[in-house]
Structures are given as C-alpha cells and as structure tokens.
Amino acid sequence: MPPPETFDRCLDRTNTLLDAAPATFDIPGMLLLDPAKSVRYYPARWVDKTKSTGRFIGRRPQAYGADLWCYIDLESGVPRKFLDLPLPKSRVRGCDEAWRIQAAIDARRAEPQRFRVRRGPEGWVVLDLFSPVPMWARRRWDAVGEPVPSTGCLFSYRFRPTEIEEEIRFARDILWLAELT
C-alpha cells in the first residue's frame, strides 16, 4: 500500500511529473476514462479521445500485449504530453496507479467514486463497489473480508459487523470513495 496522502497531493505530484514530460504527438487508438461520465458504471466511462481537452487516464495500444496505461494531457483531442503508468520506481501495476489517479481526479471534481453498504445474510455487512480499486486494496479486503457475488455493481465484499467501520474509513480516507446515499 502506498503511504497515505490526500487526493490533492496525489494529483499535484502526478501533474508535476506530467508537466516535466517531453512533448508528444498523436497516439492512434487511445481511449480515455471520462471523468464527466457517471462513477456508478465504469465500462461506460471509457471514450474515444476525439476533441477532449484536459488531463485524463488513458489506455494506448501497443503492437504486442495488453494496452498500456497512461496519464495524458490533451488539447482538442491532440496529445501534448503523457506519462506511462506505472511511474518509474513504482511498486504497483499500471492499472493500480491509474485507478488511484482517477479516484483522485473524481474526488477533486467533487464527484467521488462510490461504494454502498448493505446488510448481507447471516449478519454480514456487504460493501458494494462501482469502480475498480488497486490490487493492494483488494488484498486488504481479501484478508479481512470475503468477495461475494455482486449485483448492480462492479464487485462486492462481505465483512463481519465488527470490521465494517474500519473498512468504510479505509475506503473514504485512503481510496477517496464516498458512500452512496
């Protein structure tokens, strides 16, 4: 798990690195995670870069293997600078870094990614999540909870009632998620 930090600190640090990146040119086939799309349906957030302006999490194709994760600065759909993820010296996967940066972008826009808490069978409490989270968060939840089939969300974990408050605090303070009300 990375050291705790605010979403502002995460974005400021990443934007400083992006500002220092060299200029780039067109990247064919680039897809972006659109922060304006609903945080409650992750697949619909992926869009073509056409005419977009701003800084985005993206996926760029490569000749062999899975698409690469990146953080990109666009002006009217034209790439100006980008950083491949994971960043140098990072100890996490590119997707984990991307999902954390996207959570910071959403939180800064006052549209944080969401979770839902509901009662499960046999006294368990279920945490439903609508967006992917880094693997280090999933490992934590694998250790203190149990993945369960999800309904109307991306994935779900169940926890004992004695554990749920700590996991809600973790989701809010470390992952910058907000409870769906």
N, C-alpha and C. Protein backbone atom coordinates (compact mmCIF):
# COMPACT_ATOMS: atom_id res chain seq x y z
N MET A 1 0.85 -1.18 0.00
CA MET A 1 0.00 0.00 0.00
C MET A 1 0.89 1.24 0.00
N PRO A 2 0.58 2.21 -0.83
CA PRO A 2 1.37 3.45 -0.81
C PRO A 2 1.11 4.21 0.49
N PRO A 3 2.01 5.13 0.83
CA PRO A 3 1.76 5.93 2.03
C PRO A 3 0.47 6.74 1.88
N PRO A 4 -0.27 6.92 2.97
CA PRO A 4 -1.50 7.73 2.88
C PRO A 4 -1.19 9.15 2.42
N GLU A 5 -2.07 9.67 1.58
CA GLU A 5 -1.95 11.05 1.13
C GLU A 5 -3.33 11.54 0.71
N THR A 6 -3.49 12.82 0.58
CA THR A 6 -4.76 13.37 0.13
C THR A 6 -4.86 13.22 -1.39
N PHE A 7 -6.07 13.28 -1.91
CA PHE A 7 -6.23 13.23 -3.36
C PHE A 7 -5.57 14.43 -4.02
N ASP A 8 -5.58 15.60 -3.36
CA ASP A 8 -4.91 16.77 -3.92
C ASP A 8 -3.41 16.54 -4.04
N ARG A 9 -2.82 15.96 -3.02
CA ARG A 9 -1.38 15.69 -3.04
C ARG A 9 -1.04 14.68 -4.15
N CYS A 10 -1.85 13.65 -4.30
CA CYS A 10 -1.64 12.65 -5.35
C CYS A 10 -1.68 13.32 -6.73
N LEU A 11 -2.68 14.13 -6.98
CA LEU A 11 -2.80 14.78 -8.29
C LEU A 11 -1.71 15.82 -8.51
N ASP A 12 -1.38 16.59 -7.48
CA ASP A 12 -0.32 17.60 -7.62
C ASP A 12 1.01 16.93 -7.97
N ARG A 13 1.33 15.84 -7.30
CA ARG A 13 2.57 15.09 -7.55
C ARG A 13 2.57 14.55 -8.98
N THR A 14 1.48 13.97 -9.41
CA THR A 14 1.40 13.38 -10.74
C THR A 14 1.40 14.47 -11.82
N ASN A 15 0.72 15.57 -11.58
CA ASN A 15 0.71 16.67 -12.55
C ASN A 15 2.09 17.30 -12.70
N THR A 16 2.85 17.38 -11.62
CA THR A 16 4.21 17.90 -11.70
C THR A 16 5.07 17.02 -12.61
N LEU A 17 4.91 15.71 -12.49
CA LEU A 17 5.64 14.79 -13.37
C LEU A 17 5.18 14.94 -14.82
N LEU A 18 3.88 15.10 -15.03
CA LEU A 18 3.36 15.27 -16.39
C LEU A 18 3.86 16.57 -17.00
N ASP A 19 3.90 17.64 -16.21
CA ASP A 19 4.41 18.92 -16.70
C ASP A 19 5.85 18.80 -17.20
N ALA A 20 6.63 17.94 -16.57
CA ALA A 20 8.05 17.77 -16.93
C ALA A 20 8.26 16.77 -18.07
N ALA A 21 7.20 16.09 -18.50
CA ALA A 21 7.33 15.08 -19.56
C ALA A 21 7.59 15.77 -20.90
N PRO A 22 8.27 15.06 -21.81
CA PRO A 22 8.51 15.65 -23.14
C PRO A 22 7.21 15.75 -23.95
N ALA A 23 7.23 16.63 -24.94
CA ALA A 23 6.08 16.78 -25.83
C ALA A 23 5.88 15.50 -26.62
N THR A 24 4.63 15.25 -27.00
CA THR A 24 4.32 14.06 -27.78
C THR A 24 3.41 14.43 -28.95
N PHE A 25 3.13 13.44 -29.78
CA PHE A 25 2.28 13.65 -30.93
C PHE A 25 1.12 12.68 -30.86
N ASP A 26 0.37 12.58 -31.93
CA ASP A 26 -0.83 11.76 -31.95
C ASP A 26 -0.56 10.32 -31.53
N ILE A 27 -1.50 9.76 -30.79
CA ILE A 27 -1.44 8.37 -30.36
C ILE A 27 -2.71 7.70 -30.86
N PRO A 28 -2.63 6.98 -31.99
CA PRO A 28 -3.83 6.35 -32.55
C PRO A 28 -4.41 5.30 -31.61
N GLY A 29 -5.73 5.22 -31.58
CA GLY A 29 -6.39 4.19 -30.80
C GLY A 29 -6.50 4.46 -29.32
N MET A 30 -6.15 5.64 -28.88
CA MET A 30 -6.18 6.00 -27.46
C MET A 30 -7.63 6.05 -26.96
N LEU A 31 -7.87 5.44 -25.79
CA LEU A 31 -9.15 5.56 -25.09
C LEU A 31 -8.92 6.29 -23.78
N LEU A 32 -9.92 7.04 -23.34
CA LEU A 32 -9.82 7.83 -22.11
C LEU A 32 -10.89 7.43 -21.12
N LEU A 33 -10.56 7.56 -19.84
CA LEU A 33 -11.58 7.45 -18.78
C LEU A 33 -12.16 8.84 -18.62
N ASP A 34 -13.41 9.01 -18.99
CA ASP A 34 -14.06 10.32 -18.98
C ASP A 34 -14.58 10.63 -17.58
N PRO A 35 -13.99 11.63 -16.90
CA PRO A 35 -14.45 11.96 -15.56
C PRO A 35 -15.86 12.54 -15.52
N ALA A 36 -16.37 13.00 -16.66
CA ALA A 36 -17.72 13.55 -16.69
C ALA A 36 -18.79 12.46 -16.70
N LYS A 37 -18.40 11.23 -17.01
CA LYS A 37 -19.37 10.12 -17.04
C LYS A 37 -19.60 9.61 -15.62
N SER A 38 -20.72 8.98 -15.41
CA SER A 38 -21.12 8.51 -14.09
C SER A 38 -20.09 7.56 -13.47
N VAL A 39 -19.75 7.82 -12.22
CA VAL A 39 -18.83 6.94 -11.49
C VAL A 39 -19.49 5.63 -11.11
N ARG A 40 -20.79 5.51 -11.36
CA ARG A 40 -21.51 4.28 -10.98
C ARG A 40 -21.51 3.21 -12.06
N TYR A 41 -20.98 3.52 -13.26
CA TYR A 41 -20.92 2.50 -14.30
C TYR A 41 -19.59 2.62 -15.04
N TYR A 42 -18.58 1.93 -14.53
CA TYR A 42 -17.21 2.03 -15.01
C TYR A 42 -17.06 1.78 -16.51
N PRO A 43 -17.63 0.72 -17.10
CA PRO A 43 -17.39 0.49 -18.53
C PRO A 43 -17.80 1.66 -19.43
N ALA A 44 -18.85 2.37 -19.06
CA ALA A 44 -19.32 3.49 -19.90
C ALA A 44 -18.43 4.71 -19.80
N ARG A 45 -17.49 4.71 -18.87
CA ARG A 45 -16.60 5.86 -18.73
C ARG A 45 -15.50 5.87 -19.79
N TRP A 46 -15.28 4.76 -20.47
CA TRP A 46 -14.23 4.69 -21.50
C TRP A 46 -14.75 5.28 -22.80
N VAL A 47 -14.05 6.30 -23.31
CA VAL A 47 -14.46 7.00 -24.53
C VAL A 47 -13.26 7.23 -25.44
N ASP A 48 -13.54 7.56 -26.70
CA ASP A 48 -12.51 7.94 -27.65
C ASP A 48 -12.00 9.33 -27.29
N LYS A 49 -10.77 9.63 -27.61
CA LYS A 49 -10.17 10.93 -27.23
C LYS A 49 -10.61 12.11 -28.09
N THR A 50 -11.45 11.89 -29.08
CA THR A 50 -11.84 12.93 -30.02
C THR A 50 -12.25 14.22 -29.32
N LYS A 51 -11.56 15.28 -29.62
CA LYS A 51 -11.87 16.65 -29.18
C LYS A 51 -11.82 16.87 -27.66
N SER A 52 -11.28 15.93 -26.90
CA SER A 52 -11.18 16.11 -25.46
C SER A 52 -10.06 17.07 -25.11
N THR A 53 -10.26 17.85 -24.05
CA THR A 53 -9.23 18.74 -23.54
C THR A 53 -9.13 18.54 -22.04
N GLY A 54 -7.90 18.40 -21.56
CA GLY A 54 -7.66 18.22 -20.14
C GLY A 54 -6.68 17.09 -19.89
N ARG A 55 -6.65 16.64 -18.64
CA ARG A 55 -5.76 15.56 -18.24
C ARG A 55 -6.60 14.35 -17.88
N PHE A 56 -6.21 13.21 -18.42
CA PHE A 56 -7.02 12.00 -18.33
C PHE A 56 -6.16 10.76 -18.09
N ILE A 57 -6.79 9.76 -17.53
CA ILE A 57 -6.23 8.41 -17.54
C ILE A 57 -6.58 7.84 -18.91
N GLY A 58 -5.62 7.17 -19.53
CA GLY A 58 -5.86 6.60 -20.84
C GLY A 58 -5.27 5.21 -20.98
N ARG A 59 -5.69 4.56 -22.06
CA ARG A 59 -5.11 3.28 -22.48
C ARG A 59 -4.65 3.48 -23.91
N ARG A 60 -3.38 3.15 -24.17
CA ARG A 60 -2.87 3.28 -25.52
C ARG A 60 -2.41 1.92 -26.02
N PRO A 61 -2.72 1.63 -27.27
CA PRO A 61 -2.37 0.32 -27.80
C PRO A 61 -0.87 0.17 -28.00
N GLN A 62 -0.43 -1.08 -27.94
CA GLN A 62 0.93 -1.41 -28.31
C GLN A 62 0.87 -2.60 -29.27
N ALA A 63 1.94 -2.84 -29.99
CA ALA A 63 1.94 -3.87 -31.03
C ALA A 63 1.63 -5.25 -30.46
N TYR A 64 2.21 -5.59 -29.33
CA TYR A 64 2.01 -6.91 -28.73
C TYR A 64 1.66 -6.75 -27.27
N GLY A 65 0.67 -7.47 -26.81
CA GLY A 65 0.29 -7.43 -25.40
C GLY A 65 -0.86 -6.48 -25.15
N ALA A 66 -1.18 -6.36 -23.89
CA ALA A 66 -2.30 -5.52 -23.46
C ALA A 66 -1.99 -4.04 -23.68
N ASP A 67 -3.04 -3.25 -23.84
CA ASP A 67 -2.87 -1.81 -23.95
C ASP A 67 -2.15 -1.28 -22.71
N LEU A 68 -1.39 -0.21 -22.91
CA LEU A 68 -0.63 0.42 -21.82
C LEU A 68 -1.47 1.48 -21.14
N TRP A 69 -1.32 1.59 -19.84
CA TRP A 69 -1.99 2.63 -19.06
C TRP A 69 -1.14 3.89 -19.10
N CYS A 70 -1.78 5.06 -19.13
CA CYS A 70 -1.03 6.30 -19.12
C CYS A 70 -1.87 7.43 -18.52
N TYR A 71 -1.18 8.51 -18.23
CA TYR A 71 -1.81 9.76 -17.79
C TYR A 71 -1.44 10.76 -18.87
N ILE A 72 -2.44 11.39 -19.47
CA ILE A 72 -2.19 12.18 -20.69
C ILE A 72 -2.83 13.56 -20.61
N ASP A 73 -2.15 14.52 -21.21
CA ASP A 73 -2.63 15.89 -21.34
C ASP A 73 -3.04 16.09 -22.79
N LEU A 74 -4.32 16.42 -23.02
CA LEU A 74 -4.85 16.61 -24.38
C LEU A 74 -5.34 18.04 -24.58
N GLU A 75 -5.22 18.50 -25.81
CA GLU A 75 -5.79 19.78 -26.22
C GLU A 75 -6.60 19.50 -27.48
N SER A 76 -7.93 19.59 -27.38
CA SER A 76 -8.84 19.30 -28.50
C SER A 76 -8.54 17.94 -29.14
N GLY A 77 -8.30 16.95 -28.30
CA GLY A 77 -8.06 15.59 -28.78
C GLY A 77 -6.63 15.30 -29.21
N VAL A 78 -5.77 16.31 -29.19
CA VAL A 78 -4.38 16.13 -29.60
C VAL A 78 -3.50 15.99 -28.36
N PRO A 79 -2.77 14.87 -28.24
CA PRO A 79 -1.90 14.68 -27.08
C PRO A 79 -0.78 15.72 -27.05
N ARG A 80 -0.54 16.28 -25.87
CA ARG A 80 0.58 17.21 -25.70
C ARG A 80 1.71 16.55 -24.93
N LYS A 81 1.34 15.83 -23.84
CA LYS A 81 2.33 15.13 -23.02
C LYS A 81 1.65 13.91 -22.42
N PHE A 82 2.45 12.90 -22.09
CA PHE A 82 1.88 11.76 -21.39
C PHE A 82 2.93 11.06 -20.55
N LEU A 83 2.45 10.36 -19.55
CA LEU A 83 3.29 9.51 -18.69
C LEU A 83 2.77 8.09 -18.79
N ASP A 84 3.65 7.15 -19.07
CA ASP A 84 3.25 5.75 -18.98
C ASP A 84 3.14 5.37 -17.51
N LEU A 85 2.18 4.51 -17.21
CA LEU A 85 1.98 4.00 -15.85
C LEU A 85 2.24 2.50 -15.86
N PRO A 86 2.91 1.98 -14.85
CA PRO A 86 3.30 2.65 -13.61
C PRO A 86 4.47 3.61 -13.84
N LEU A 87 4.57 4.56 -12.95
CA LEU A 87 5.67 5.52 -13.00
C LEU A 87 6.98 4.82 -12.63
N PRO A 88 8.11 5.37 -13.05
CA PRO A 88 9.39 4.78 -12.66
C PRO A 88 9.50 4.65 -11.14
N LYS A 89 10.08 3.57 -10.70
CA LYS A 89 10.29 3.25 -9.28
C LYS A 89 9.00 2.91 -8.53
N SER A 90 7.90 2.82 -9.25
CA SER A 90 6.64 2.44 -8.60
C SER A 90 6.66 0.96 -8.28
N ARG A 91 5.96 0.59 -7.22
CA ARG A 91 5.88 -0.82 -6.83
C ARG A 91 4.51 -1.42 -7.12
N VAL A 92 3.70 -0.72 -7.90
CA VAL A 92 2.35 -1.21 -8.20
C VAL A 92 2.17 -1.36 -9.71
N ARG A 93 1.13 -2.06 -10.10
CA ARG A 93 0.81 -2.24 -11.52
C ARG A 93 0.33 -0.92 -12.12
N GLY A 94 0.43 -0.80 -13.45
CA GLY A 94 -0.02 0.41 -14.13
C GLY A 94 -1.49 0.68 -13.90
N CYS A 95 -2.32 -0.36 -13.95
CA CYS A 95 -3.76 -0.16 -13.73
C CYS A 95 -4.03 0.32 -12.31
N ASP A 96 -3.28 -0.18 -11.33
CA ASP A 96 -3.49 0.25 -9.95
C ASP A 96 -3.18 1.73 -9.79
N GLU A 97 -2.08 2.16 -10.40
CA GLU A 97 -1.73 3.57 -10.34
C GLU A 97 -2.78 4.41 -11.07
N ALA A 98 -3.23 3.93 -12.22
CA ALA A 98 -4.25 4.66 -12.99
C ALA A 98 -5.55 4.79 -12.21
N TRP A 99 -6.00 3.70 -11.61
CA TRP A 99 -7.26 3.75 -10.86
C TRP A 99 -7.16 4.69 -9.66
N ARG A 100 -6.00 4.75 -9.03
CA ARG A 100 -5.82 5.67 -7.90
C ARG A 100 -5.84 7.12 -8.39
N ILE A 101 -5.16 7.39 -9.49
CA ILE A 101 -5.17 8.76 -10.05
C ILE A 101 -6.59 9.14 -10.46
N GLN A 102 -7.32 8.21 -11.08
CA GLN A 102 -8.71 8.52 -11.47
C GLN A 102 -9.57 8.79 -10.24
N ALA A 103 -9.37 8.05 -9.18
CA ALA A 103 -10.12 8.31 -7.94
C ALA A 103 -9.80 9.72 -7.43
N ALA A 104 -8.54 10.14 -7.54
CA ALA A 104 -8.16 11.49 -7.12
C ALA A 104 -8.81 12.54 -8.02
N ILE A 105 -8.83 12.30 -9.32
CA ILE A 105 -9.48 13.24 -10.26
C ILE A 105 -10.96 13.37 -9.90
N ASP A 106 -11.62 12.24 -9.69
CA ASP A 106 -13.05 12.28 -9.36
C ASP A 106 -13.30 12.98 -8.03
N ALA A 107 -12.47 12.71 -7.04
CA ALA A 107 -12.64 13.36 -5.73
C ALA A 107 -12.42 14.86 -5.84
N ARG A 108 -11.41 15.28 -6.60
CA ARG A 108 -11.16 16.71 -6.75
C ARG A 108 -12.32 17.40 -7.46
N ARG A 109 -12.99 16.72 -8.36
CA ARG A 109 -14.14 17.29 -9.06
C ARG A 109 -15.41 17.27 -8.20
N ALA A 110 -15.30 16.83 -6.96
CA ALA A 110 -16.44 16.69 -6.04
C ALA A 110 -17.46 15.69 -6.57
N GLU A 111 -16.99 14.71 -7.35
CA GLU A 111 -17.80 13.60 -7.84
C GLU A 111 -17.07 12.29 -7.53
N PRO A 112 -16.83 12.03 -6.24
CA PRO A 112 -16.00 10.86 -5.90
C PRO A 112 -16.65 9.55 -6.34
N GLN A 113 -15.79 8.57 -6.56
CA GLN A 113 -16.29 7.23 -6.82
C GLN A 113 -17.05 6.75 -5.60
N ARG A 114 -17.96 5.82 -5.80
CA ARG A 114 -18.92 5.46 -4.75
C ARG A 114 -18.79 4.03 -4.28
N PHE A 115 -19.28 3.82 -3.07
CA PHE A 115 -19.50 2.48 -2.53
C PHE A 115 -20.85 2.48 -1.84
N ARG A 116 -21.39 1.29 -1.66
CA ARG A 116 -22.68 1.14 -0.99
C ARG A 116 -22.49 0.11 0.12
N VAL A 117 -23.14 0.34 1.24
CA VAL A 117 -23.13 -0.60 2.35
C VAL A 117 -24.54 -1.16 2.49
N ARG A 118 -24.62 -2.49 2.56
CA ARG A 118 -25.93 -3.12 2.73
C ARG A 118 -25.79 -4.33 3.65
N ARG A 119 -26.90 -4.71 4.23
CA ARG A 119 -26.95 -5.90 5.08
C ARG A 119 -26.91 -7.14 4.23
N GLY A 120 -26.06 -8.07 4.62
CA GLY A 120 -25.98 -9.35 3.92
C GLY A 120 -26.61 -10.44 4.76
N PRO A 121 -26.58 -11.66 4.27
CA PRO A 121 -27.15 -12.78 5.02
C PRO A 121 -26.33 -13.11 6.26
N GLU A 122 -26.98 -13.66 7.23
CA GLU A 122 -26.34 -14.17 8.45
C GLU A 122 -25.56 -13.11 9.22
N GLY A 123 -26.03 -11.87 9.18
CA GLY A 123 -25.41 -10.81 9.97
C GLY A 123 -24.20 -10.15 9.34
N TRP A 124 -23.75 -10.61 8.18
CA TRP A 124 -22.63 -9.98 7.49
C TRP A 124 -23.06 -8.62 6.94
N VAL A 125 -22.08 -7.76 6.67
CA VAL A 125 -22.32 -6.47 6.03
C VAL A 125 -21.57 -6.50 4.70
N VAL A 126 -22.24 -6.07 3.63
CA VAL A 126 -21.65 -6.14 2.30
C VAL A 126 -21.28 -4.74 1.83
N LEU A 127 -20.09 -4.63 1.28
CA LEU A 127 -19.59 -3.39 0.68
C LEU A 127 -19.61 -3.59 -0.83
N ASP A 128 -20.44 -2.81 -1.54
CA ASP A 128 -20.53 -2.87 -3.00
C ASP A 128 -19.72 -1.73 -3.58
N LEU A 129 -18.90 -2.04 -4.58
CA LEU A 129 -18.06 -1.03 -5.23
C LEU A 129 -18.41 -0.93 -6.70
N PHE A 130 -18.38 0.29 -7.23
CA PHE A 130 -18.81 0.56 -8.60
C PHE A 130 -17.65 0.86 -9.54
N SER A 131 -16.44 0.99 -9.00
CA SER A 131 -15.24 1.27 -9.80
C SER A 131 -14.13 0.34 -9.34
N PRO A 132 -13.18 0.07 -10.22
CA PRO A 132 -12.05 -0.76 -9.79
C PRO A 132 -11.21 -0.04 -8.73
N VAL A 133 -10.57 -0.81 -7.89
CA VAL A 133 -9.65 -0.27 -6.89
C VAL A 133 -8.31 -0.98 -7.06
N PRO A 134 -7.23 -0.38 -6.59
CA PRO A 134 -5.92 -1.02 -6.71
C PRO A 134 -5.87 -2.39 -6.03
N MET A 135 -4.97 -3.24 -6.53
CA MET A 135 -4.83 -4.59 -6.00
C MET A 135 -4.48 -4.60 -4.52
N TRP A 136 -3.74 -3.61 -4.05
CA TRP A 136 -3.38 -3.59 -2.63
C TRP A 136 -4.62 -3.39 -1.75
N ALA A 137 -5.64 -2.70 -2.26
CA ALA A 137 -6.89 -2.57 -1.51
C ALA A 137 -7.66 -3.89 -1.54
N ARG A 138 -7.67 -4.55 -2.69
CA ARG A 138 -8.34 -5.85 -2.79
C ARG A 138 -7.66 -6.88 -1.88
N ARG A 139 -6.35 -6.84 -1.80
CA ARG A 139 -5.64 -7.77 -0.91
C ARG A 139 -6.03 -7.53 0.55
N ARG A 140 -6.15 -6.29 0.92
CA ARG A 140 -6.58 -5.98 2.29
C ARG A 140 -7.96 -6.59 2.53
N TRP A 141 -8.88 -6.37 1.59
CA TRP A 141 -10.24 -6.87 1.77
C TRP A 141 -10.30 -8.39 1.69
N ASP A 142 -9.40 -9.00 0.92
CA ASP A 142 -9.32 -10.47 0.90
C ASP A 142 -8.91 -10.99 2.27
N ALA A 143 -8.08 -10.22 2.98
CA ALA A 143 -7.58 -10.65 4.29
C ALA A 143 -8.62 -10.48 5.40
N VAL A 144 -9.41 -9.42 5.33
CA VAL A 144 -10.35 -9.15 6.43
C VAL A 144 -11.81 -9.43 6.07
N GLY A 145 -12.07 -9.65 4.80
CA GLY A 145 -13.44 -9.93 4.34
C GLY A 145 -13.44 -11.10 3.38
N GLU A 146 -14.46 -11.12 2.55
CA GLU A 146 -14.59 -12.20 1.57
C GLU A 146 -15.33 -11.68 0.35
N PRO A 147 -14.78 -11.90 -0.86
CA PRO A 147 -15.52 -11.49 -2.05
C PRO A 147 -16.81 -12.29 -2.18
N VAL A 148 -17.87 -11.62 -2.60
CA VAL A 148 -19.16 -12.28 -2.78
C VAL A 148 -19.72 -11.87 -4.14
N PRO A 149 -20.66 -12.65 -4.68
CA PRO A 149 -21.27 -12.25 -5.95
C PRO A 149 -21.87 -10.84 -5.85
N SER A 150 -21.69 -10.08 -6.91
CA SER A 150 -22.18 -8.70 -6.90
C SER A 150 -23.46 -8.58 -7.70
N THR A 151 -24.27 -7.60 -7.31
CA THR A 151 -25.49 -7.29 -8.05
C THR A 151 -25.59 -5.77 -8.19
N GLY A 152 -25.63 -5.28 -9.42
CA GLY A 152 -25.77 -3.85 -9.66
C GLY A 152 -24.53 -3.05 -9.34
N CYS A 153 -23.36 -3.70 -9.29
CA CYS A 153 -22.12 -3.01 -9.03
C CYS A 153 -20.99 -3.80 -9.68
N LEU A 154 -19.76 -3.30 -9.57
CA LEU A 154 -18.62 -3.96 -10.21
C LEU A 154 -18.16 -5.18 -9.41
N PHE A 155 -18.05 -5.02 -8.09
CA PHE A 155 -17.69 -6.14 -7.23
C PHE A 155 -18.12 -5.85 -5.80
N SER A 156 -18.15 -6.91 -4.97
CA SER A 156 -18.64 -6.79 -3.59
C SER A 156 -17.78 -7.62 -2.65
N TYR A 157 -17.69 -7.15 -1.42
CA TYR A 157 -17.03 -7.89 -0.33
C TYR A 157 -17.97 -7.90 0.86
N ARG A 158 -17.92 -9.00 1.60
CA ARG A 158 -18.69 -9.03 2.85
C ARG A 158 -17.71 -9.04 4.01
N PHE A 159 -18.16 -8.38 5.10
CA PHE A 159 -17.34 -8.22 6.31
C PHE A 159 -18.19 -8.53 7.53
N ARG A 160 -17.52 -8.92 8.57
CA ARG A 160 -18.20 -9.05 9.86
C ARG A 160 -18.60 -7.65 10.32
N PRO A 161 -19.68 -7.54 11.06
CA PRO A 161 -20.11 -6.22 11.53
C PRO A 161 -19.02 -5.49 12.34
N THR A 162 -18.15 -6.23 13.00
CA THR A 162 -17.08 -5.61 13.79
C THR A 162 -15.98 -5.02 12.92
N GLU A 163 -15.92 -5.39 11.64
CA GLU A 163 -14.88 -4.91 10.73
C GLU A 163 -15.33 -3.77 9.83
N ILE A 164 -16.62 -3.61 9.63
CA ILE A 164 -17.11 -2.74 8.56
C ILE A 164 -16.74 -1.27 8.76
N GLU A 165 -16.79 -0.76 9.97
CA GLU A 165 -16.48 0.66 10.17
C GLU A 165 -15.05 0.99 9.77
N GLU A 166 -14.12 0.10 10.10
CA GLU A 166 -12.72 0.32 9.71
C GLU A 166 -12.57 0.28 8.18
N GLU A 167 -13.30 -0.60 7.52
CA GLU A 167 -13.19 -0.70 6.06
C GLU A 167 -13.87 0.48 5.36
N ILE A 168 -14.92 1.00 5.94
CA ILE A 168 -15.53 2.22 5.41
C ILE A 168 -14.56 3.39 5.56
N ARG A 169 -13.91 3.48 6.70
CA ARG A 169 -12.91 4.53 6.92
C ARG A 169 -11.77 4.41 5.90
N PHE A 170 -11.31 3.18 5.66
CA PHE A 170 -10.27 2.92 4.67
C PHE A 170 -10.74 3.38 3.28
N ALA A 171 -11.96 3.04 2.89
CA ALA A 171 -12.50 3.43 1.59
C ALA A 171 -12.57 4.95 1.46
N ARG A 172 -12.95 5.62 2.50
CA ARG A 172 -13.07 7.09 2.46
C ARG A 172 -11.71 7.79 2.51
N ASP A 173 -10.86 7.39 3.45
CA ASP A 173 -9.62 8.12 3.71
C ASP A 173 -8.48 7.75 2.79
N ILE A 174 -8.38 6.51 2.40
CA ILE A 174 -7.25 6.05 1.59
C ILE A 174 -7.61 5.96 0.11
N LEU A 175 -8.84 5.51 -0.20
CA LEU A 175 -9.26 5.37 -1.60
C LEU A 175 -10.07 6.57 -2.09
N TRP A 176 -10.44 7.47 -1.20
CA TRP A 176 -11.19 8.69 -1.51
C TRP A 176 -12.57 8.40 -2.10
N LEU A 177 -13.21 7.34 -1.64
CA LEU A 177 -14.56 6.98 -2.08
C LEU A 177 -15.59 7.60 -1.15
N ALA A 178 -16.80 7.74 -1.63
CA ALA A 178 -17.90 8.28 -0.82
C ALA A 178 -19.04 7.26 -0.82
N GLU A 179 -19.73 7.21 0.31
CA GLU A 179 -20.84 6.28 0.42
C GLU A 179 -22.03 6.76 -0.41
N LEU A 180 -22.63 5.84 -1.12
CA LEU A 180 -23.81 6.12 -1.91
C LEU A 180 -25.00 6.21 -0.95
N THR A 181 -25.70 7.33 -1.00
CA THR A 181 -26.84 7.50 -0.10
C THR A 181 -28.13 7.52 -0.87
